[in-house]
Protein backbone atom coordinates (compact mmCIF):
# COMPACT_ATOMS: atom_id res chain seq x y z
CA MET A 1 22.12 46.16 -33.62
CA THR A 2 21.22 42.50 -34.02
CA THR A 3 18.28 40.98 -32.22
CA TRP A 4 17.72 37.46 -31.00
CA HIS A 5 15.00 35.97 -33.23
CA LEU A 6 14.28 32.68 -31.44
CA ARG A 7 12.35 32.08 -28.25
CA SER A 8 14.51 31.97 -25.14
CA LYS A 9 15.10 28.63 -23.41
CA ARG A 10 14.27 30.29 -20.09
CA LYS A 11 11.11 31.92 -18.72
CA LYS A 12 11.08 35.40 -17.15
CA THR A 13 11.05 33.71 -13.75
CA GLY A 14 14.22 31.76 -14.58
CA GLY A 15 12.45 28.43 -15.11
CA LYS A 16 13.21 26.35 -18.21
CA TYR A 17 10.87 25.72 -21.12
CA ILE A 18 10.47 21.99 -21.80
CA LYS A 19 10.57 20.72 -25.38
CA SER A 20 7.21 19.42 -26.57
CA ARG A 21 8.79 16.81 -28.89
CA LYS A 22 12.03 15.58 -30.40
CA LYS A 23 13.20 16.27 -33.95
CA LYS A 24 11.68 14.16 -36.71
CA LYS A 25 13.60 12.34 -39.45
CA HIS A 26 12.38 14.68 -42.21
CA GLU A 27 13.67 17.69 -40.25
CA LEU A 28 17.25 16.46 -40.33
CA GLY A 29 19.75 18.37 -42.47
CA GLY A 30 21.53 16.75 -45.38
CA GLU A 31 25.18 15.98 -45.87
CA PHE A 32 27.23 18.71 -47.60
CA ALA A 33 28.15 17.74 -51.16
CA ALA A 34 31.49 19.47 -51.69
CA THR A 35 31.44 19.83 -55.49
CA LYS A 36 35.00 19.68 -56.79
CA ILE A 37 36.69 20.00 -60.19
CA GLY A 38 37.18 16.64 -61.94
CA GLU A 39 35.43 13.89 -63.89
CA LYS A 40 31.61 14.13 -63.57
CA LYS A 41 30.39 12.28 -60.48
CA LEU A 42 26.74 12.30 -59.32
CA LYS A 43 25.07 10.92 -56.22
CA ILE A 44 21.31 10.30 -56.21
CA GLN A 45 19.64 10.87 -52.85
CA LYS A 46 16.04 10.14 -51.84
CA ALA A 47 14.07 13.20 -50.80
CA ARG A 48 10.75 13.82 -49.09
CA GLY A 49 7.62 12.96 -51.07
CA GLY A 50 9.25 10.30 -53.25
CA ASN A 51 11.43 12.89 -54.98
CA LYS A 52 15.14 12.61 -55.74
CA LYS A 53 17.99 15.05 -55.29
CA LEU A 54 21.03 14.96 -57.56
CA LYS A 55 24.16 15.79 -55.61
CA LEU A 56 27.01 16.77 -57.90
CA LEU A 57 30.28 15.63 -56.31
CA ALA A 58 32.63 16.57 -59.17
CA THR A 59 32.43 18.27 -62.57
CA LYS A 60 34.57 19.86 -65.28
CA LYS A 61 31.83 21.74 -67.17
CA ILE A 62 29.69 24.81 -66.46
CA ASN A 63 26.74 26.15 -68.48
CA VAL A 64 27.47 29.84 -69.03
CA VAL A 65 24.97 32.53 -70.05
CA GLN A 66 26.72 35.19 -72.11
CA LYS A 67 25.60 38.75 -72.86
CA GLY A 68 22.74 38.48 -75.33
CA GLY A 69 21.38 35.27 -73.76
CA LYS A 70 23.58 32.76 -75.60
CA ILE A 71 24.40 29.65 -73.52
CA ILE A 72 27.80 27.97 -73.85
CA SER A 73 29.32 24.98 -72.08
CA ALA A 74 32.74 25.98 -70.71
CA GLU A 75 35.52 24.11 -68.94
CA ILE A 76 36.22 25.00 -65.28
CA LEU A 77 39.89 25.66 -64.54
CA SER A 78 39.82 26.77 -60.87
CA VAL A 79 37.84 28.54 -58.14
CA VAL A 80 38.82 32.22 -57.82
CA ASP A 81 36.47 33.43 -55.07
CA ASN A 82 33.89 31.85 -52.76
CA LYS A 83 31.91 33.95 -50.26
CA ALA A 84 30.55 30.83 -48.51
CA ASN A 85 33.95 29.92 -47.07
CA PRO A 86 37.44 31.31 -47.85
CA HIS A 87 38.95 27.81 -47.48
CA PHE A 88 36.85 26.56 -50.43
CA ILE A 89 39.08 28.57 -52.81
CA ARG A 90 42.14 26.54 -51.89
CA ARG A 91 40.22 23.24 -52.08
CA ASN A 92 38.47 24.20 -55.37
CA ILE A 93 34.97 23.61 -53.93
CA ILE A 94 32.10 25.03 -56.00
CA THR A 95 28.98 26.41 -54.28
CA LYS A 96 26.31 28.95 -55.28
CA GLY A 97 27.87 32.42 -55.59
CA ALA A 98 31.38 31.10 -56.23
CA ILE A 99 33.43 32.78 -58.96
CA VAL A 100 35.23 30.27 -61.18
CA LYS A 101 37.92 30.73 -63.82
CA THR A 102 36.96 29.12 -67.15
CA ASN A 103 38.44 28.95 -70.63
CA ILE A 104 36.13 31.85 -71.68
CA GLY A 105 36.61 34.08 -68.60
CA LEU A 106 35.35 34.57 -65.05
CA VAL A 107 31.91 33.11 -64.28
CA LYS A 108 29.67 33.48 -61.21
CA VAL A 109 27.82 30.28 -60.24
CA THR A 110 24.04 30.81 -60.00
CA SER A 111 22.87 27.21 -59.38
CA ARG A 112 23.26 25.00 -56.31
CA PRO A 113 25.40 22.05 -57.49
CA GLY A 114 24.90 20.08 -54.25
CA GLN A 115 21.10 20.29 -54.68
CA HIS A 116 20.44 20.53 -58.43
CA GLY A 117 23.17 18.30 -59.87
CA VAL A 118 24.22 20.89 -62.46
CA VAL A 119 26.49 23.96 -62.53
CA ASN A 120 25.05 27.07 -64.21
CA GLY A 121 26.63 30.50 -64.24
CA VAL A 122 26.73 34.01 -65.66
CA LEU A 123 29.77 35.44 -67.46
CA ILE A 124 31.04 38.41 -65.44
CA GLU A 125 34.42 39.06 -67.08
CA GLU A 126 35.38 37.93 -70.56
CA LYS A 127 38.86 36.57 -71.23
CA ALA A 128 41.04 39.16 -72.96
CA GLU A 129 42.05 38.20 -76.51
CA LYS A 130 45.75 38.50 -77.36
């Protein structure tokens, strides 16, 4: 059973609660950076506190951690699975948790490319040698 976790907009009497204020600029959500496969393309965005966010719009490479802790840069071929949205597979959009096909095997993405500006992953299935 799921429960409603926010306060109701209505009182027990049926009257409405009135908002105490409007949303502030820093509370706004950001634009979704749909990271695709292609030539490296970055977008720098200002963040709160004078910080910067690197939004990765396109990339060909992924940093892969192999068994034993060795890190290799691999080439992304396509997106195999994406739990965030099934339509992202067809459009080759990379998000955290996506499984991508590389030249060394299947890799699960562990970083957030739209927030961090880099694609890191863990090797889950090695490519079979012929």
